[in-house]
Amino acid sequence: MELNNLTPAKGSVKTAKRIGRGPGSGLGGTSTRGHKGAKSRSGYSKKIGFEGGQMPMQRRLPKFGFKNINRVEYKAINLATLQALAEAKKLEKIGVAELHEAGLTAKNVLVKILGNGELKAKLTVEANAFSKKAEEAITAAGGTIVKL
């Protein structure tokens, strides 16, 4: 076997159909597009969601829901997370900046402290909002709350 006598397997290589190259090719005239109609014309593209004239899905289904433009979204931080952070870094004050440094929040995110977990450390906690349970737990541990 030599490089000069290698050939592809029989039937694996096909020549492209040359459409619209005159009547002698057998694929001239309508160029396999059939007669008339939108699909036979140049520049045809069907609209997204077009179902052949049937009422499309997005018009068959009813509208629902709404977005509240006044919604305020907070990043939730639990007491257990604050306790772990205070123990790891030996902190007495935990604010938004400390949470950002620890990688728990993004830079300009509103923070809400939630009451899940147990807080033993006496902390000064700065946040944008607190749940009632979290407030009670922080003050019970001898800490203070600062709402931003």
N, C-alpha and C. Protein backbone atom coordinates (compact mmCIF):
# COMPACT_ATOMS: atom_id res chain seq x y z
N MET A 1 0.84 -1.19 0.00
CA MET A 1 0.00 0.00 0.00
C MET A 1 0.89 1.25 0.00
N GLU A 2 0.59 2.16 -0.91
CA GLU A 2 1.34 3.41 -1.03
C GLU A 2 0.38 4.59 -0.89
N LEU A 3 0.91 5.77 -0.58
CA LEU A 3 0.07 6.97 -0.47
C LEU A 3 -0.64 7.29 -1.77
N ASN A 4 -0.03 6.98 -2.89
CA ASN A 4 -0.64 7.33 -4.18
C ASN A 4 -1.80 6.41 -4.57
N ASN A 5 -1.99 5.28 -3.87
CA ASN A 5 -3.16 4.45 -4.23
C ASN A 5 -4.19 4.36 -3.11
N LEU A 6 -4.16 5.32 -2.17
CA LEU A 6 -5.22 5.41 -1.15
C LEU A 6 -6.44 6.10 -1.74
N THR A 7 -7.61 5.55 -1.51
CA THR A 7 -8.86 6.18 -1.97
C THR A 7 -9.90 6.08 -0.87
N PRO A 8 -10.84 7.02 -0.81
CA PRO A 8 -11.91 6.93 0.18
C PRO A 8 -12.79 5.72 -0.09
N ALA A 9 -13.48 5.25 0.95
CA ALA A 9 -14.38 4.11 0.81
C ALA A 9 -15.48 4.44 -0.19
N LYS A 10 -15.97 3.43 -0.89
CA LYS A 10 -16.99 3.62 -1.92
C LYS A 10 -18.28 4.16 -1.28
N GLY A 11 -18.79 5.25 -1.84
CA GLY A 11 -20.04 5.83 -1.34
C GLY A 11 -19.85 6.85 -0.23
N SER A 12 -18.61 7.02 0.26
CA SER A 12 -18.40 7.95 1.37
C SER A 12 -18.24 9.39 0.90
N VAL A 13 -17.86 9.60 -0.34
CA VAL A 13 -17.65 10.95 -0.85
C VAL A 13 -18.68 11.24 -1.93
N LYS A 14 -19.45 12.34 -1.69
CA LYS A 14 -20.47 12.71 -2.67
C LYS A 14 -20.18 14.12 -3.16
N THR A 15 -20.47 14.40 -4.43
CA THR A 15 -20.32 15.75 -4.94
C THR A 15 -21.57 16.55 -4.59
N ALA A 16 -21.39 17.84 -4.30
CA ALA A 16 -22.51 18.71 -3.91
C ALA A 16 -23.46 18.89 -5.09
N LYS A 17 -24.77 18.99 -4.79
CA LYS A 17 -25.76 19.28 -5.82
C LYS A 17 -25.59 20.71 -6.26
N ARG A 18 -25.36 20.94 -7.57
CA ARG A 18 -25.23 22.32 -8.06
C ARG A 18 -26.60 22.75 -8.58
N ILE A 19 -27.32 23.45 -7.69
CA ILE A 19 -28.72 23.79 -7.96
C ILE A 19 -28.80 25.11 -8.73
N GLY A 20 -29.73 25.19 -9.67
CA GLY A 20 -29.98 26.43 -10.41
C GLY A 20 -28.89 26.74 -11.41
N ARG A 21 -28.35 25.73 -12.11
CA ARG A 21 -27.29 25.96 -13.10
C ARG A 21 -27.76 25.54 -14.50
N GLY A 22 -29.02 25.81 -14.76
CA GLY A 22 -29.53 25.58 -16.11
C GLY A 22 -30.25 24.25 -16.27
N PRO A 23 -31.01 24.11 -17.38
CA PRO A 23 -31.84 22.93 -17.59
C PRO A 23 -31.03 21.65 -17.80
N GLY A 24 -29.80 21.74 -18.29
CA GLY A 24 -28.99 20.56 -18.55
C GLY A 24 -28.63 19.80 -17.28
N SER A 25 -28.60 20.50 -16.14
CA SER A 25 -28.21 19.86 -14.88
C SER A 25 -29.35 19.01 -14.32
N GLY A 26 -30.56 19.28 -14.79
CA GLY A 26 -31.73 18.59 -14.23
C GLY A 26 -32.21 19.25 -12.96
N LEU A 27 -31.49 20.25 -12.46
CA LEU A 27 -31.88 20.96 -11.23
C LEU A 27 -31.98 22.46 -11.50
N GLY A 28 -32.34 22.84 -12.73
CA GLY A 28 -32.53 24.25 -13.08
C GLY A 28 -33.98 24.61 -12.83
N GLY A 29 -34.49 25.59 -13.56
CA GLY A 29 -35.91 25.97 -13.45
C GLY A 29 -36.26 26.45 -12.06
N THR A 30 -37.01 25.65 -11.31
CA THR A 30 -37.43 26.07 -9.97
C THR A 30 -36.36 25.77 -8.93
N SER A 31 -35.29 25.12 -9.32
CA SER A 31 -34.16 24.81 -8.43
C SER A 31 -34.59 24.08 -7.16
N THR A 32 -35.39 23.06 -7.31
CA THR A 32 -35.88 22.17 -6.25
C THR A 32 -36.76 22.85 -5.22
N ARG A 33 -37.23 24.10 -5.53
CA ARG A 33 -38.06 24.82 -4.57
C ARG A 33 -39.56 24.64 -4.82
N GLY A 34 -39.95 23.94 -5.85
CA GLY A 34 -41.37 23.79 -6.16
C GLY A 34 -41.90 25.04 -6.82
N HIS A 35 -43.22 25.16 -6.93
CA HIS A 35 -43.84 26.30 -7.61
C HIS A 35 -44.49 27.25 -6.64
N LYS A 36 -44.22 28.54 -6.79
CA LYS A 36 -44.86 29.63 -6.04
C LYS A 36 -44.76 29.47 -4.51
N GLY A 37 -45.36 30.38 -3.80
CA GLY A 37 -45.36 30.33 -2.33
C GLY A 37 -44.13 30.99 -1.74
N ALA A 38 -44.21 31.33 -0.46
CA ALA A 38 -43.15 32.09 0.22
C ALA A 38 -41.82 31.36 0.19
N LYS A 39 -41.83 30.04 0.38
CA LYS A 39 -40.58 29.29 0.45
C LYS A 39 -39.84 29.22 -0.88
N SER A 40 -40.52 29.53 -1.98
CA SER A 40 -39.85 29.48 -3.28
C SER A 40 -39.13 30.80 -3.58
N ARG A 41 -39.45 31.85 -2.83
CA ARG A 41 -38.88 33.18 -3.10
C ARG A 41 -37.52 33.36 -2.41
N SER A 42 -36.73 34.28 -2.95
CA SER A 42 -35.46 34.58 -2.30
C SER A 42 -35.74 35.45 -1.08
N GLY A 43 -34.89 35.35 -0.06
CA GLY A 43 -35.06 36.17 1.14
C GLY A 43 -36.09 35.65 2.11
N TYR A 44 -36.60 34.45 1.88
CA TYR A 44 -37.62 33.90 2.78
C TYR A 44 -36.99 33.49 4.10
N SER A 45 -37.63 33.89 5.21
CA SER A 45 -37.29 33.34 6.53
C SER A 45 -38.54 33.40 7.37
N LYS A 46 -38.90 32.29 7.99
CA LYS A 46 -40.15 32.28 8.76
C LYS A 46 -39.94 32.93 10.12
N LYS A 47 -40.97 33.56 10.65
CA LYS A 47 -40.89 34.24 11.92
C LYS A 47 -40.69 33.22 13.05
N ILE A 48 -40.03 33.64 14.12
CA ILE A 48 -39.83 32.77 15.29
C ILE A 48 -41.21 32.44 15.86
N GLY A 49 -41.45 31.17 16.11
CA GLY A 49 -42.74 30.74 16.68
C GLY A 49 -43.83 30.55 15.65
N PHE A 50 -43.53 30.71 14.36
CA PHE A 50 -44.54 30.54 13.32
C PHE A 50 -44.91 29.08 13.20
N GLU A 51 -46.22 28.80 13.22
CA GLU A 51 -46.70 27.42 13.20
C GLU A 51 -47.57 27.15 11.98
N GLY A 52 -47.16 27.69 10.84
CA GLY A 52 -47.88 27.42 9.60
C GLY A 52 -49.23 28.08 9.52
N GLY A 53 -49.43 29.18 10.21
CA GLY A 53 -50.70 29.89 10.19
C GLY A 53 -51.60 29.53 11.35
N GLN A 54 -51.32 28.40 12.02
CA GLN A 54 -52.05 28.04 13.25
C GLN A 54 -51.72 29.09 14.30
N MET A 55 -52.68 29.34 15.23
CA MET A 55 -52.45 30.34 16.28
C MET A 55 -51.22 29.92 17.10
N PRO A 56 -50.17 30.74 17.13
CA PRO A 56 -48.93 30.32 17.79
C PRO A 56 -49.06 30.19 19.31
N MET A 57 -48.16 29.39 19.88
CA MET A 57 -48.20 29.08 21.30
C MET A 57 -48.25 30.33 22.18
N GLN A 58 -47.41 31.33 21.86
CA GLN A 58 -47.35 32.51 22.73
C GLN A 58 -48.64 33.33 22.68
N ARG A 59 -49.49 33.09 21.67
CA ARG A 59 -50.78 33.78 21.64
C ARG A 59 -51.92 32.92 22.16
N ARG A 60 -51.71 31.59 22.16
CA ARG A 60 -52.74 30.68 22.70
C ARG A 60 -52.80 30.73 24.23
N LEU A 61 -51.62 30.90 24.86
CA LEU A 61 -51.55 30.85 26.31
C LEU A 61 -51.83 32.22 26.92
N PRO A 62 -52.52 32.26 28.08
CA PRO A 62 -52.84 33.55 28.69
C PRO A 62 -51.61 34.20 29.33
N LYS A 63 -51.67 35.52 29.50
CA LYS A 63 -50.62 36.24 30.21
C LYS A 63 -50.82 36.01 31.70
N PHE A 64 -49.73 36.03 32.47
CA PHE A 64 -49.88 35.93 33.92
C PHE A 64 -48.69 36.55 34.64
N GLY A 65 -48.90 36.91 35.90
CA GLY A 65 -47.83 37.40 36.76
C GLY A 65 -47.45 38.85 36.48
N PHE A 66 -46.65 39.39 37.39
CA PHE A 66 -46.11 40.73 37.19
C PHE A 66 -44.84 40.87 38.01
N LYS A 67 -44.01 41.86 37.67
CA LYS A 67 -42.77 42.15 38.40
C LYS A 67 -42.99 43.41 39.23
N ASN A 68 -42.78 43.29 40.54
CA ASN A 68 -42.92 44.44 41.42
C ASN A 68 -41.69 45.32 41.28
N ILE A 69 -41.87 46.56 40.79
CA ILE A 69 -40.72 47.44 40.55
C ILE A 69 -40.17 48.01 41.85
N ASN A 70 -40.91 47.90 42.94
CA ASN A 70 -40.46 48.43 44.23
C ASN A 70 -39.83 47.37 45.12
N ARG A 71 -39.62 46.15 44.59
CA ARG A 71 -39.07 45.07 45.41
C ARG A 71 -37.65 45.40 45.86
N VAL A 72 -37.38 45.13 47.15
CA VAL A 72 -36.05 45.32 47.70
C VAL A 72 -35.50 43.93 48.00
N GLU A 73 -34.35 43.61 47.41
CA GLU A 73 -33.79 42.28 47.58
C GLU A 73 -32.57 42.33 48.50
N TYR A 74 -32.56 41.43 49.49
CA TYR A 74 -31.47 41.36 50.45
C TYR A 74 -30.69 40.07 50.28
N LYS A 75 -29.40 40.11 50.62
CA LYS A 75 -28.59 38.89 50.71
C LYS A 75 -28.76 38.40 52.14
N ALA A 76 -29.24 37.17 52.31
CA ALA A 76 -29.53 36.62 53.63
C ALA A 76 -28.26 36.03 54.23
N ILE A 77 -27.97 36.43 55.48
CA ILE A 77 -26.84 35.88 56.23
C ILE A 77 -27.39 35.38 57.56
N ASN A 78 -27.10 34.13 57.91
CA ASN A 78 -27.61 33.55 59.14
C ASN A 78 -26.66 33.78 60.32
N LEU A 79 -27.21 33.64 61.53
CA LEU A 79 -26.42 33.82 62.75
C LEU A 79 -25.27 32.82 62.82
N ALA A 80 -25.52 31.60 62.36
CA ALA A 80 -24.48 30.56 62.38
C ALA A 80 -23.27 31.01 61.56
N THR A 81 -23.51 31.69 60.45
CA THR A 81 -22.43 32.20 59.60
C THR A 81 -21.65 33.29 60.33
N LEU A 82 -22.39 34.18 61.04
CA LEU A 82 -21.73 35.24 61.81
C LEU A 82 -20.85 34.65 62.90
N GLN A 83 -21.37 33.62 63.59
CA GLN A 83 -20.62 32.96 64.67
C GLN A 83 -19.32 32.35 64.12
N ALA A 84 -19.43 31.66 62.99
CA ALA A 84 -18.26 31.02 62.38
C ALA A 84 -17.23 32.07 61.96
N LEU A 85 -17.71 33.19 61.40
CA LEU A 85 -16.82 34.26 60.96
C LEU A 85 -16.13 34.92 62.15
N ALA A 86 -16.88 35.15 63.23
CA ALA A 86 -16.33 35.78 64.44
C ALA A 86 -15.25 34.89 65.06
N GLU A 87 -15.49 33.58 65.08
CA GLU A 87 -14.52 32.64 65.65
C GLU A 87 -13.26 32.55 64.78
N ALA A 88 -13.45 32.49 63.46
CA ALA A 88 -12.33 32.32 62.55
C ALA A 88 -11.40 33.54 62.54
N LYS A 89 -12.00 34.75 62.55
CA LYS A 89 -11.18 35.96 62.43
C LYS A 89 -11.09 36.76 63.72
N LYS A 90 -11.68 36.22 64.81
CA LYS A 90 -11.65 36.86 66.14
C LYS A 90 -12.16 38.31 66.06
N LEU A 91 -13.37 38.45 65.52
CA LEU A 91 -13.97 39.78 65.34
C LEU A 91 -14.94 40.10 66.47
N GLU A 92 -15.06 41.41 66.79
CA GLU A 92 -16.06 41.87 67.75
C GLU A 92 -17.13 42.68 67.04
N LYS A 93 -16.79 43.20 65.85
CA LYS A 93 -17.74 43.98 65.04
C LYS A 93 -17.81 43.36 63.65
N ILE A 94 -19.04 43.04 63.23
CA ILE A 94 -19.22 42.51 61.88
C ILE A 94 -20.16 43.44 61.13
N GLY A 95 -19.64 44.00 60.04
CA GLY A 95 -20.42 44.89 59.20
C GLY A 95 -20.45 44.37 57.77
N VAL A 96 -20.97 45.20 56.88
CA VAL A 96 -21.07 44.83 55.47
C VAL A 96 -19.68 44.65 54.86
N ALA A 97 -18.74 45.50 55.29
CA ALA A 97 -17.37 45.42 54.76
C ALA A 97 -16.70 44.10 55.13
N GLU A 98 -16.88 43.67 56.39
CA GLU A 98 -16.30 42.39 56.84
C GLU A 98 -16.89 41.21 56.09
N LEU A 99 -18.19 41.27 55.85
CA LEU A 99 -18.86 40.19 55.10
C LEU A 99 -18.34 40.15 53.66
N HIS A 100 -18.08 41.33 53.09
CA HIS A 100 -17.56 41.39 51.72
C HIS A 100 -16.14 40.82 51.65
N GLU A 101 -15.31 41.18 52.65
CA GLU A 101 -13.94 40.66 52.71
C GLU A 101 -13.91 39.14 52.83
N ALA A 102 -14.87 38.60 53.59
CA ALA A 102 -14.94 37.15 53.79
C ALA A 102 -15.50 36.43 52.58
N GLY A 103 -15.97 37.21 51.59
CA GLY A 103 -16.48 36.62 50.35
C GLY A 103 -17.92 36.14 50.45
N LEU A 104 -18.65 36.64 51.45
CA LEU A 104 -20.05 36.21 51.64
C LEU A 104 -21.04 37.08 50.86
N THR A 105 -20.64 38.31 50.55
CA THR A 105 -21.54 39.19 49.79
C THR A 105 -20.76 39.91 48.70
N ALA A 106 -21.51 40.45 47.75
CA ALA A 106 -20.92 41.30 46.72
C ALA A 106 -20.77 42.71 47.31
N LYS A 107 -20.17 43.62 46.55
CA LYS A 107 -19.80 44.92 47.11
C LYS A 107 -21.00 45.77 47.55
N ASN A 108 -21.92 46.05 46.65
CA ASN A 108 -23.02 46.97 46.98
C ASN A 108 -24.35 46.23 47.14
N VAL A 109 -24.36 45.22 48.01
CA VAL A 109 -25.55 44.40 48.20
C VAL A 109 -26.15 44.71 49.56
N LEU A 110 -27.48 44.78 49.63
CA LEU A 110 -28.15 44.96 50.92
C LEU A 110 -28.13 43.64 51.68
N VAL A 111 -27.83 43.70 52.97
CA VAL A 111 -27.67 42.49 53.78
C VAL A 111 -28.76 42.42 54.84
N LYS A 112 -29.35 41.23 54.99
CA LYS A 112 -30.32 40.99 56.06
C LYS A 112 -29.83 39.84 56.92
N ILE A 113 -29.83 40.04 58.22
CA ILE A 113 -29.39 39.00 59.14
C ILE A 113 -30.61 38.19 59.58
N LEU A 114 -30.52 36.87 59.39
CA LEU A 114 -31.61 35.97 59.76
C LEU A 114 -31.22 35.14 60.98
N GLY A 115 -32.22 34.60 61.68
CA GLY A 115 -31.99 33.97 62.97
C GLY A 115 -31.71 32.49 62.97
N ASN A 116 -31.25 31.93 61.88
CA ASN A 116 -30.97 30.49 61.83
C ASN A 116 -29.60 30.23 62.42
N GLY A 117 -29.50 29.32 63.38
CA GLY A 117 -28.23 29.01 64.02
C GLY A 117 -28.15 29.62 65.40
N GLU A 118 -27.00 29.45 66.05
CA GLU A 118 -26.82 29.92 67.42
C GLU A 118 -25.66 30.91 67.47
N LEU A 119 -25.85 32.00 68.23
CA LEU A 119 -24.81 33.01 68.36
C LEU A 119 -24.37 33.07 69.82
N LYS A 120 -23.10 32.78 70.07
CA LYS A 120 -22.55 32.81 71.43
C LYS A 120 -21.68 34.05 71.64
N ALA A 121 -21.05 34.53 70.58
CA ALA A 121 -20.12 35.66 70.67
C ALA A 121 -20.87 36.97 70.87
N LYS A 122 -20.23 37.88 71.64
CA LYS A 122 -20.79 39.22 71.87
C LYS A 122 -20.34 40.09 70.70
N LEU A 123 -21.26 40.41 69.80
CA LEU A 123 -20.91 41.10 68.56
C LEU A 123 -21.70 42.39 68.37
N THR A 124 -21.06 43.34 67.70
CA THR A 124 -21.77 44.50 67.17
C THR A 124 -22.00 44.20 65.70
N VAL A 125 -23.26 44.10 65.30
CA VAL A 125 -23.59 43.68 63.94
C VAL A 125 -24.21 44.85 63.18
N GLU A 126 -23.61 45.19 62.04
CA GLU A 126 -24.14 46.22 61.15
C GLU A 126 -24.74 45.57 59.93
N ALA A 127 -25.99 45.88 59.62
CA ALA A 127 -26.65 45.34 58.43
C ALA A 127 -27.80 46.25 58.03
N ASN A 128 -28.34 46.02 56.86
CA ASN A 128 -29.46 46.83 56.38
C ASN A 128 -30.78 46.43 57.00
N ALA A 129 -30.92 45.14 57.37
CA ALA A 129 -32.17 44.66 57.98
C ALA A 129 -31.88 43.45 58.86
N PHE A 130 -32.76 43.23 59.83
CA PHE A 130 -32.65 42.10 60.76
C PHE A 130 -34.01 41.45 60.92
N SER A 131 -34.04 40.12 61.06
CA SER A 131 -35.29 39.47 61.43
C SER A 131 -35.45 39.61 62.94
N LYS A 132 -36.68 39.47 63.44
CA LYS A 132 -36.94 39.62 64.88
C LYS A 132 -36.15 38.60 65.69
N LYS A 133 -36.13 37.37 65.20
CA LYS A 133 -35.41 36.29 65.89
C LYS A 133 -33.91 36.60 65.97
N ALA A 134 -33.36 37.15 64.90
CA ALA A 134 -31.93 37.50 64.86
C ALA A 134 -31.63 38.63 65.85
N GLU A 135 -32.50 39.65 65.87
CA GLU A 135 -32.33 40.78 66.80
C GLU A 135 -32.31 40.28 68.24
N GLU A 136 -33.28 39.42 68.57
CA GLU A 136 -33.38 38.87 69.93
C GLU A 136 -32.13 38.07 70.29
N ALA A 137 -31.65 37.25 69.35
CA ALA A 137 -30.49 36.40 69.61
C ALA A 137 -29.22 37.23 69.82
N ILE A 138 -29.05 38.29 69.04
CA ILE A 138 -27.85 39.14 69.16
C ILE A 138 -27.84 39.87 70.49
N THR A 139 -29.00 40.45 70.85
CA THR A 139 -29.08 41.17 72.12
C THR A 139 -28.99 40.21 73.31
N ALA A 140 -29.52 39.01 73.19
CA ALA A 140 -29.44 38.01 74.27
C ALA A 140 -27.99 37.59 74.51
N ALA A 141 -27.16 37.59 73.46
CA ALA A 141 -25.75 37.22 73.58
C ALA A 141 -24.90 38.39 74.09
N GLY A 142 -25.56 39.55 74.31
CA GLY A 142 -24.85 40.72 74.82
C GLY A 142 -24.32 41.63 73.73
N GLY A 143 -24.74 41.41 72.51
CA GLY A 143 -24.27 42.21 71.38
C GLY A 143 -25.18 43.39 71.10
N THR A 144 -24.81 44.20 70.12
CA THR A 144 -25.63 45.35 69.72
C THR A 144 -25.91 45.30 68.22
N ILE A 145 -26.99 46.00 67.85
CA ILE A 145 -27.46 46.01 66.45
C ILE A 145 -27.35 47.43 65.90
N VAL A 146 -26.81 47.54 64.68
CA VAL A 146 -26.76 48.83 63.99
C VAL A 146 -27.42 48.65 62.64
N LYS A 147 -28.58 49.35 62.45
CA LYS A 147 -29.26 49.28 61.15
C LYS A 147 -28.72 50.39 60.27
N LEU A 148 -28.30 50.00 59.07
CA LEU A 148 -27.73 50.99 58.13
C LEU A 148 -28.82 51.66 57.32
